[in-house]
Amino acid sequence: MIKIKKQTLESICEAARSTYPDEFIALIGSKRYGVIDDLIILPATFGKNFSSIRIDLAPVDDSIVGSVHSHPGKSAQPSGADLRVFKRTGKTHLIIAHPFSLESARAFARNGEELELEVIE
C-alpha cells in the first residue's frame, strides 16, 4: 500500500488541471518513511499525450521515490512509454486521470503493477 498526504495529492490535482489538456509530470518524495509528502517540480515539457522531465536536474536526494504524471483522458493505466519512465525514476509512481480528483489518482510499482493508494491527512 502507498500512502500519500492529502495536501500533496491536492497539489498534484491542481498542477494537472493547470496544464490540461497537456500532460503534467513531476517527481514525488517521501520525507517520512512510507508516506508521499513532497512534489518535486523540475524543468519539463508538457504536451498533448506526452510529457518529459529533465531527470538530470533532479537533486541528489534519497527522499525521491518516483514520479507522477497526468493523463488527459479518463484512463490512468500506464502506457509502454510510462513504464520506461517508471524504470528510470524510482519505485513508486502515480498517474492521475481527468478530472484530476483525489479519486482519479492511481499508484503503480515500477513494473506497472497497480498498488493500493491511501490518502491520509
Protein backbone atom coordinates (compact mmCIF):
# COMPACT_ATOMS: atom_id res chain seq x y z
CA MET A 1 0.00 0.00 0.00
CA ILE A 2 1.18 3.51 -0.88
CA LYS A 3 0.23 6.37 1.42
CA ILE A 4 0.08 9.99 0.29
CA LYS A 5 -0.67 13.18 2.20
CA LYS A 6 -3.96 14.71 1.09
CA GLN A 7 -2.31 18.13 0.68
CA THR A 8 0.33 16.66 -1.65
CA LEU A 9 -2.30 14.92 -3.78
CA GLU A 10 -4.35 18.13 -3.91
CA SER A 11 -1.25 19.95 -5.23
CA ILE A 12 -0.86 17.25 -7.90
CA CYS A 13 -4.52 17.66 -8.88
CA GLU A 14 -4.09 21.42 -9.23
CA ALA A 15 -0.91 21.04 -11.30
CA ALA A 16 -2.67 18.56 -13.62
CA ARG A 17 -5.66 20.90 -14.02
CA SER A 18 -3.40 23.85 -14.79
CA THR A 19 -1.56 22.04 -17.60
CA TYR A 20 -4.67 20.37 -19.09
CA PRO A 21 -5.14 19.43 -21.94
CA ASP A 22 -1.40 18.80 -21.85
CA GLU A 23 0.14 16.18 -19.55
CA PHE A 24 1.83 17.22 -16.31
CA ILE A 25 4.93 15.44 -14.94
CA ALA A 26 7.00 15.78 -11.75
CA LEU A 27 8.82 13.70 -9.17
CA ILE A 28 7.43 12.64 -5.80
CA GLY A 29 9.23 12.29 -2.50
CA SER A 30 8.84 10.94 0.98
CA LYS A 31 10.45 12.71 3.93
CA ARG A 32 8.58 10.42 6.33
CA TYR A 33 9.21 6.77 5.56
CA GLY A 34 6.29 5.29 3.68
CA VAL A 35 4.27 8.49 3.10
CA ILE A 36 4.48 10.53 -0.10
CA ASP A 37 4.56 14.11 1.11
CA ASP A 38 6.63 16.03 -1.42
CA LEU A 39 6.13 17.17 -5.01
CA ILE A 40 9.40 17.97 -6.80
CA ILE A 41 8.94 20.21 -9.83
CA LEU A 42 11.74 20.14 -12.39
CA PRO A 43 12.02 21.69 -15.84
CA ALA A 44 9.77 19.65 -18.10
CA THR A 45 7.99 19.63 -21.43
CA PHE A 46 4.21 19.27 -21.28
CA GLY A 47 2.39 18.20 -24.43
CA LYS A 48 -0.71 16.53 -25.71
CA ASN A 49 -0.44 12.82 -24.85
CA PHE A 50 3.19 13.12 -23.71
CA SER A 51 5.42 14.80 -21.18
CA SER A 52 9.13 14.66 -20.44
CA ILE A 53 11.14 15.74 -17.44
CA ARG A 54 14.78 16.77 -17.00
CA ILE A 55 15.83 13.95 -14.66
CA ASP A 56 19.43 15.13 -14.96
CA LEU A 57 18.43 18.22 -12.95
CA ALA A 58 16.97 16.23 -10.04
CA PRO A 59 18.72 16.84 -6.73
CA VAL A 60 20.72 14.00 -5.25
CA ASP A 61 18.14 13.18 -2.62
CA ASP A 62 17.23 9.83 -1.10
CA SER A 63 13.71 11.08 -0.39
CA ILE A 64 12.76 10.97 -4.10
CA VAL A 65 10.69 7.81 -4.54
CA GLY A 66 9.28 8.11 -8.06
CA SER A 67 7.24 10.13 -10.50
CA VAL A 68 3.75 11.48 -11.05
CA HIS A 69 2.09 12.49 -14.28
CA SER A 70 -1.36 13.19 -15.60
CA HIS A 71 -3.38 11.59 -18.36
CA PRO A 72 -5.79 13.99 -20.07
CA GLY A 73 -8.26 11.13 -20.65
CA LYS A 74 -10.23 9.04 -18.17
CA SER A 75 -7.74 6.12 -18.06
CA ALA A 76 -4.94 6.04 -15.51
CA GLN A 77 -3.40 2.85 -16.94
CA PRO A 78 0.32 3.18 -17.73
CA SER A 79 1.42 3.06 -21.36
CA GLY A 80 4.63 1.48 -22.63
CA ALA A 81 6.27 4.93 -22.53
CA ASP A 82 5.09 5.36 -18.93
CA LEU A 83 6.71 2.06 -17.96
CA ARG A 84 10.02 3.20 -19.45
CA VAL A 85 9.86 6.39 -17.34
CA PHE A 86 8.94 4.33 -14.25
CA LYS A 87 12.14 2.29 -14.62
CA ARG A 88 14.28 5.46 -14.66
CA THR A 89 12.65 7.47 -11.90
CA GLY A 90 12.14 5.33 -8.80
CA LYS A 91 9.97 2.56 -7.47
CA THR A 92 6.62 4.32 -6.81
CA HIS A 93 4.63 6.13 -9.49
CA LEU A 94 1.35 7.95 -9.66
CA ILE A 95 -0.91 8.62 -12.62
CA ILE A 96 -3.81 11.00 -12.22
CA ALA A 97 -6.51 10.92 -14.90
CA HIS A 98 -9.08 13.50 -15.89
CA PRO A 99 -10.97 15.05 -14.00
CA PHE A 100 -7.86 15.21 -11.75
CA SER A 101 -9.57 14.49 -8.46
CA LEU A 102 -8.39 12.61 -5.37
CA GLU A 103 -10.37 9.63 -6.65
CA SER A 104 -8.80 9.60 -10.12
CA ALA A 105 -5.22 9.01 -8.88
CA ARG A 106 -3.65 5.55 -9.12
CA ALA A 107 -0.36 4.20 -7.80
CA PHE A 108 1.95 1.77 -9.57
CA ALA A 109 5.17 -0.12 -8.95
CA ARG A 110 7.99 0.38 -11.44
CA ASN A 111 6.88 -2.77 -13.32
CA GLY A 112 3.37 -1.32 -13.85
CA GLU A 113 1.62 -3.36 -11.16
CA GLU A 114 -1.17 -1.30 -9.60
CA LEU A 115 -0.77 -0.66 -5.87
CA GLU A 116 -3.37 0.38 -3.34
CA LEU A 117 -3.29 4.15 -2.71
CA GLU A 118 -4.38 5.56 0.64
CA VAL A 119 -4.89 9.31 1.11
CA ILE A 120 -4.11 10.45 4.65
CA GLU A 121 -4.38 13.77 6.47
